[in-house]
Protein backbone atom coordinates (compact mmCIF):
# COMPACT_ATOMS: atom_id res chain seq x y z
CA MET A 1 95.90 48.75 104.78
CA SER A 2 96.68 52.45 104.83
CA GLU A 3 94.98 52.82 108.19
CA ALA A 4 97.38 50.67 110.15
CA LEU A 5 98.76 51.93 113.43
CA VAL A 6 102.27 53.30 113.43
CA ALA A 7 104.51 51.86 116.16
CA THR A 8 107.31 53.81 117.82
CA GLN A 9 110.41 52.58 119.58
CA ALA A 10 111.09 52.95 123.26
CA PRO A 11 114.13 55.13 124.00
CA GLY A 12 117.33 53.11 123.98
CA THR A 13 115.65 49.88 122.86
CA ASP A 14 114.50 48.20 119.70
CA THR A 15 111.13 47.27 121.17
CA PRO A 16 108.19 48.88 119.37
CA VAL A 17 105.60 50.61 121.51
CA PRO A 18 102.18 49.92 120.00
CA GLY A 19 99.25 52.27 120.11
CA ALA A 20 100.95 55.46 118.95
CA THR A 21 99.10 56.56 115.85
CA GLY A 22 100.39 58.74 113.05
CA ALA A 23 98.39 61.64 114.49
CA ARG A 24 100.09 61.24 117.86
CA GLN A 25 103.50 61.23 116.23
CA PHE A 26 102.58 64.36 114.30
CA TRP A 27 101.52 66.24 117.43
CA ARG A 28 104.61 65.05 119.31
CA ARG A 29 106.90 66.33 116.56
CA LEU A 30 104.98 69.59 116.28
CA ARG A 31 105.17 70.17 120.05
CA ALA A 32 108.94 69.75 119.86
CA GLN A 33 109.09 72.90 117.73
CA ARG A 34 108.64 75.88 120.02
CA ALA A 35 108.52 78.38 117.17
CA ALA A 36 105.68 76.46 115.51
CA LEU A 37 103.75 76.32 118.80
CA VAL A 38 104.09 80.08 119.31
CA ALA A 39 102.97 80.63 115.71
CA ALA A 40 99.97 78.33 116.27
CA VAL A 41 98.95 80.37 119.33
CA VAL A 42 99.25 83.61 117.34
CA VAL A 43 97.19 82.20 114.47
CA ALA A 44 94.54 80.93 116.90
CA LEU A 45 94.31 84.37 118.51
CA LEU A 46 93.97 86.04 115.11
CA VAL A 47 91.20 83.65 114.10
CA LEU A 48 89.48 84.23 117.45
CA VAL A 49 89.68 88.00 116.98
CA ALA A 50 88.26 87.71 113.45
CA LEU A 51 85.37 85.52 114.61
CA ALA A 52 84.65 87.73 117.62
CA ALA A 53 84.85 91.00 115.67
CA PRO A 54 81.16 91.92 116.26
CA LEU A 55 81.52 91.23 120.00
CA LEU A 56 84.76 93.19 120.31
CA THR A 57 83.41 96.22 118.48
CA ALA A 58 80.23 96.06 120.54
CA LEU A 59 82.36 96.20 123.70
CA GLU A 60 84.10 99.27 122.30
CA GLY A 61 80.76 100.73 121.23
CA GLN A 62 81.79 101.34 117.63
CA ASP A 63 81.38 99.84 114.16
CA PRO A 64 83.62 99.87 111.05
CA THR A 65 81.45 102.05 108.80
CA THR A 66 80.15 104.97 110.90
CA TYR A 67 81.78 108.35 110.14
CA HIS A 68 82.80 110.67 112.99
CA PRO A 69 83.48 114.07 111.36
CA SER A 70 83.74 115.75 114.76
CA LEU A 71 86.88 113.73 115.54
CA ILE A 72 88.96 115.00 112.61
CA ASP A 73 90.56 118.37 112.03
CA SER A 74 89.30 119.56 108.65
CA ALA A 75 91.59 122.60 108.78
CA ARG A 76 94.61 120.24 108.68
CA GLY A 77 93.24 118.10 105.86
CA GLY A 78 91.37 115.56 107.94
CA VAL A 79 94.00 114.56 110.52
CA PRO A 80 92.47 112.95 113.65
CA ILE A 81 92.16 115.25 116.64
CA GLY A 82 94.21 114.29 119.69
CA SER A 83 97.35 112.25 120.32
CA PHE A 84 97.91 108.80 118.81
CA GLY A 85 95.29 109.40 116.15
CA GLY A 86 92.53 110.18 118.63
CA ALA A 87 92.98 106.99 120.65
CA GLY A 88 91.01 106.88 123.88
CA ALA A 89 88.29 105.09 125.80
CA GLY A 90 85.78 105.53 122.97
CA HIS A 91 88.21 104.65 120.18
CA TRP A 92 90.84 102.19 121.38
CA LEU A 93 93.23 102.63 118.43
CA GLY A 94 92.07 106.04 117.25
CA VAL A 95 90.14 106.96 114.13
CA GLU A 96 90.73 106.94 110.41
CA PRO A 97 91.93 110.19 108.78
CA GLN A 98 89.37 112.15 106.74
CA THR A 99 86.42 109.87 107.67
CA GLY A 100 86.80 109.43 111.43
CA ARG A 101 85.81 105.74 111.22
CA ASP A 102 86.98 103.68 114.16
CA LEU A 103 90.37 102.13 113.41
CA PHE A 104 90.05 99.19 115.81
CA ALA A 105 86.71 98.15 114.31
CA ARG A 106 88.08 98.32 110.79
CA LEU A 107 91.18 96.37 111.79
CA VAL A 108 89.32 93.44 113.37
CA TYR A 109 86.73 93.31 110.60
CA GLY A 110 89.57 93.49 108.09
CA ALA A 111 90.99 90.35 109.71
CA ARG A 112 87.75 88.55 108.86
CA VAL A 113 88.10 89.48 105.20
CA SER A 114 91.82 88.77 104.87
CA LEU A 115 91.77 85.44 106.73
CA GLY A 116 88.43 84.37 105.26
CA VAL A 117 89.48 85.04 101.66
CA ALA A 118 92.85 83.32 102.17
CA LEU A 119 91.39 80.19 103.79
CA ALA A 120 88.52 79.88 101.30
CA ALA A 121 90.87 80.36 98.33
CA THR A 122 93.16 77.68 99.75
CA VAL A 123 90.24 75.25 99.98
CA VAL A 124 89.37 75.93 96.33
CA GLN A 125 92.99 75.47 95.26
CA VAL A 126 93.38 72.21 97.18
CA ALA A 127 90.09 70.78 95.91
CA ILE A 128 90.89 71.50 92.26
CA GLY A 129 94.53 70.50 92.57
CA VAL A 130 93.77 67.14 94.21
CA VAL A 131 91.09 66.23 91.67
CA VAL A 132 93.23 67.21 88.67
CA GLY A 133 96.38 65.60 90.07
CA VAL A 134 94.75 62.29 90.93
CA ALA A 135 92.81 62.17 87.62
CA SER A 136 96.00 62.87 85.70
CA ALA A 137 97.96 60.13 87.48
CA LEU A 138 95.22 57.50 87.26
CA GLY A 139 93.83 58.35 83.82
CA SER A 140 94.92 57.15 80.41
CA ARG A 141 98.00 58.52 78.65
CA TRP A 142 95.88 61.02 76.71
CA VAL A 143 94.09 62.21 79.84
CA ASP A 144 97.42 62.59 81.60
CA GLN A 145 98.89 64.58 78.71
CA LEU A 146 95.85 66.86 78.45
CA LEU A 147 95.62 67.60 82.20
CA SER A 148 99.37 68.03 82.49
CA ARG A 149 99.43 70.62 79.70
CA ILE A 150 96.49 72.50 81.26
CA THR A 151 98.33 72.44 84.59
CA ASP A 152 101.48 73.80 82.95
CA VAL A 153 99.48 76.70 81.51
CA ILE A 154 97.96 77.46 84.92
CA VAL A 155 101.38 77.39 86.59
CA ALA A 156 102.81 79.73 83.94
CA MET A 157 100.09 82.34 84.46
CA PRO A 158 101.22 85.35 86.55
CA LEU A 159 98.75 85.29 89.43
CA VAL A 160 98.55 88.99 90.23
CA ILE A 161 98.34 90.11 86.58
CA MET A 162 95.63 87.58 85.74
CA SER A 163 93.73 88.52 88.89
CA LEU A 164 93.92 92.19 87.96
CA ALA A 165 92.52 91.43 84.50
CA LEU A 166 89.66 89.26 85.77
CA LEU A 167 88.68 91.51 88.67
CA ALA A 168 88.65 94.58 86.41
CA ILE A 169 86.01 93.17 84.03
CA VAL A 170 83.59 91.70 86.59
CA PRO A 171 80.64 93.96 87.51
CA SER A 172 81.02 95.77 90.82
CA SER A 173 77.67 94.36 91.98
CA PHE A 174 79.25 90.91 92.44
CA PRO A 175 80.32 90.39 96.11
CA ARG A 176 83.98 91.35 96.09
CA PRO A 177 85.29 88.99 98.83
CA VAL A 178 83.67 86.03 97.06
CA LEU A 179 85.05 87.18 93.71
CA VAL A 180 88.60 87.58 95.06
CA THR A 181 88.36 84.12 96.63
CA LEU A 182 87.26 82.51 93.37
CA VAL A 183 89.85 84.33 91.27
CA ILE A 184 92.77 83.34 93.52
CA GLY A 185 91.49 79.78 93.89
CA LEU A 186 90.83 79.22 90.18
CA ILE A 187 94.17 80.61 89.01
CA ALA A 188 96.67 79.24 91.52
CA TRP A 189 95.96 75.49 91.80
CA GLY A 190 98.61 74.32 89.33
CA ASN A 191 101.48 73.66 91.75
CA ILE A 192 99.43 71.52 94.10
CA ALA A 193 98.10 69.53 91.12
CA LYS A 194 101.69 68.78 90.10
CA ILE A 195 102.59 67.69 93.64
CA VAL A 196 99.52 65.43 93.88
CA ARG A 197 100.17 63.87 90.47
CA ALA A 198 103.80 63.05 91.33
CA GLN A 199 102.88 61.60 94.73
CA THR A 200 100.01 59.56 93.24
CA LEU A 201 102.33 58.06 90.61
CA THR A 202 104.66 56.99 93.43
CA LEU A 203 101.86 55.47 95.51
CA LYS A 204 100.48 53.54 92.52
CA GLY A 205 103.49 51.24 92.54
CA LEU A 206 103.27 50.26 96.20
CA ASP A 207 102.29 46.73 97.19
CA TYR A 208 99.12 47.56 99.07
CA VAL A 209 97.74 49.49 96.08
CA SER A 210 98.57 46.56 93.78
CA ALA A 211 96.86 44.19 96.20
CA ALA A 212 93.75 46.36 96.22
CA ARG A 213 93.72 46.36 92.43
CA LEU A 214 94.09 42.56 92.29
CA SER A 215 91.20 42.18 94.75
CA GLY A 216 88.88 43.78 92.19
CA TRP A 217 88.60 47.33 93.48
CA GLY A 218 87.81 50.04 90.93
CA THR A 219 90.11 52.94 90.15
CA TRP A 220 88.25 55.56 92.14
CA GLN A 221 87.65 53.18 95.05
CA ILE A 222 91.41 52.67 95.23
CA ALA A 223 91.94 56.41 95.01
CA ARG A 224 89.48 57.12 97.82
CA ARG A 225 90.51 54.35 100.21
CA GLU A 226 94.21 53.87 99.50
CA LEU A 227 95.69 56.86 97.71
CA LEU A 228 94.00 59.83 99.37
CA PRO A 229 95.24 58.90 102.89
CA GLY A 230 98.76 58.75 101.49
CA LEU A 231 98.31 62.16 99.88
CA ALA A 232 97.20 63.81 103.13
CA ALA A 233 100.70 64.75 104.35
CA PRO A 234 101.96 66.58 101.22
CA VAL A 235 98.58 68.23 100.61
CA ILE A 236 98.29 69.50 104.20
CA THR A 237 101.89 70.70 104.09
CA TYR A 238 101.43 72.67 100.88
CA ALA A 239 98.04 74.03 101.97
CA ALA A 240 99.58 75.36 105.19
CA LEU A 241 102.10 77.29 103.10
CA LEU A 242 99.43 78.52 100.66
CA VAL A 243 97.44 80.44 103.29
CA PRO A 244 100.04 83.17 103.98
CA MET A 245 100.69 83.52 100.26
CA ASN A 246 96.96 84.02 99.62
CA ILE A 247 96.74 86.63 102.37
CA SER A 248 99.56 88.54 100.66
CA VAL A 249 97.84 88.25 97.27
CA GLU A 250 94.52 89.51 98.67
CA ALA A 251 96.30 92.43 100.34
CA ALA A 252 98.14 93.23 97.10
CA LEU A 253 94.94 93.18 95.05
CA SER A 254 93.15 95.42 97.56
CA PHE A 255 96.19 97.71 97.66
CA LEU A 256 96.04 98.01 93.86
CA GLY A 257 92.35 98.95 94.07
CA VAL A 258 90.80 95.87 92.44
CA GLY A 259 90.23 93.75 95.54
CA VAL A 260 87.73 94.31 98.32
CA LYS A 261 85.89 97.61 97.86
CA PRO A 262 84.81 100.13 100.52
CA PRO A 263 83.02 100.22 102.85
CA THR A 264 84.03 96.57 103.50
CA PRO A 265 87.30 96.83 105.47
CA SER A 266 90.42 94.98 104.38
CA TRP A 267 94.02 95.30 105.51
CA GLY A 268 95.22 95.81 101.94
CA GLN A 269 92.54 98.44 101.35
CA MET A 270 93.56 100.25 104.55
CA LEU A 271 97.16 100.31 103.34
CA THR A 272 95.98 101.85 100.07
CA SER A 273 94.29 104.70 101.92
CA ALA A 274 97.20 105.13 104.34
CA ASP A 275 99.96 105.78 101.81
CA VAL A 276 99.49 109.56 102.06
CA TRP A 277 99.02 109.63 105.86
CA TYR A 278 102.18 107.94 107.10
CA GLN A 279 103.60 111.24 108.40
CA ALA A 280 100.47 112.92 109.74
CA ALA A 281 98.85 109.75 111.15
CA PRO A 282 101.47 106.95 111.18
CA GLN A 283 99.30 104.54 113.17
CA TYR A 284 96.91 104.33 110.21
CA LEU A 285 99.73 102.76 108.19
CA LEU A 286 101.56 100.86 110.92
CA LEU A 287 98.55 99.02 112.39
CA PRO A 288 97.31 97.21 109.24
CA ALA A 289 100.89 96.70 108.02
CA GLY A 290 101.87 95.23 111.39
CA ALA A 291 98.81 92.98 111.49
CA LEU A 292 99.54 91.74 107.98
CA PHE A 293 103.21 91.13 108.80
CA VAL A 294 102.47 89.21 112.01
CA THR A 295 99.77 87.10 110.32
CA VAL A 296 101.91 86.13 107.33
CA LEU A 297 104.94 85.42 109.54
CA ALA A 298 102.95 83.28 111.98
CA LEU A 299 101.28 81.28 109.20
CA THR A 300 104.62 80.77 107.45
CA VAL A 301 106.32 79.51 110.62
CA LEU A 302 103.34 77.27 111.38
CA GLY A 303 103.33 75.91 107.83
CA ASP A 304 107.03 75.13 108.07
CA GLY A 305 106.44 73.38 111.40
CA VAL A 306 103.64 71.30 109.92
CA ARG A 307 105.87 70.34 107.00
CA THR A 308 108.66 69.24 109.33
CA ALA A 309 106.29 67.32 111.63
CA LEU A 310 104.73 65.44 108.72
CA ASP A 311 108.12 64.65 107.17
CA PRO A 312 110.69 64.29 109.98
CA ARG A 313 113.43 63.57 107.43
CA ALA A 314 113.15 67.16 106.18
CA ALA A 315 114.96 69.69 108.36
CA SER A 316 113.08 72.86 109.21
CA ARG A 317 114.02 75.95 107.26
CA LEU A 318 113.40 77.99 110.41
CA ARG A 319 115.86 76.61 112.93
CA VAL A 320 114.85 78.77 115.90
CA GLY A 321 112.95 76.71 118.48
CA THR A 322 113.05 73.52 116.43
CA GLY A 323 113.74 70.40 118.45
CA ARG A 324 115.59 67.57 116.70
CA ARG A 325 115.78 64.03 117.95
CA ASN A 326 119.31 62.92 118.69
CA GLU A 327 120.12 60.06 116.35
CA SER A 328 122.41 58.36 118.86
CA GLY A 329 119.40 56.60 120.37
CA THR A 330 119.60 58.31 123.78
CA GLY A 331 116.22 59.97 123.30
CA LYS A 332 117.59 63.42 124.18
CA GLU A 333 116.63 66.36 122.07
CA GLU A 334 118.92 69.01 120.63
CA THR A 335 117.72 72.54 120.03
CA ALA A 336 119.11 74.38 117.06
């Protein structure tokens, strides 16, 4: 039922062209958005850099934790020796003030932490939100009321404040990246649960779901085979927008000193250490801040492109590079 092929129309005719699946339509609409494609390339490069961090640092001949006291000027308070923070053949982006640790190595390893925590937290949020949302929509009135009230409480919780409270009381021996992932994922699933519940209630009234129920299928069989495919588009859309938000939260927590702890590098942690060096060694502040800005911007643009491709009726909020199909039936595209 829900796995039927989606037919498209030939330009200028009313004749459907069979064989074009929903996935093909999605990729066609996404390719029409140049900004989303550029963002996808940037995100792919960032992920590649994060995965290849050990190889890249090996090529440079450095690692993110080794101190180089000979490369800093102790008489000036620990400022790196040389221009551009000591950048050169041995240290591509220079070294960290006071410690002399390689800045490039810490930047690429910090990408692993920031992206890894954000993606893992998003998976936790989506998993909990989908289960709670579907259970609320398909359960009895009392189950729906209970889960809805719990969801309301979760949504009302201030994420950063609750994260600060939880991270402050957990022993420091617990792996910090895992802890930050769990805290973000377990606190911020309320909105996606609300979206899933509302969409599930809509899908319950459709004919193919009623037919499946009349054929004797159980509740969870219907949910797995009929409802979950229909929930894919809104869930993927919201998840794509959650990733940049989670990166910002992880950076904020590390900046406040309760996130990832040294010597594990993190962009937010680097910003915390750089707040007193922006005049003496500006690259120490600008590099992690720039990496964080580019990552969040690229993921936001990509998430908006995914949302528009999955729901062509919704106009993109980012009009640059977004192709829109001319509704006159000529098949030409207009670029906003």
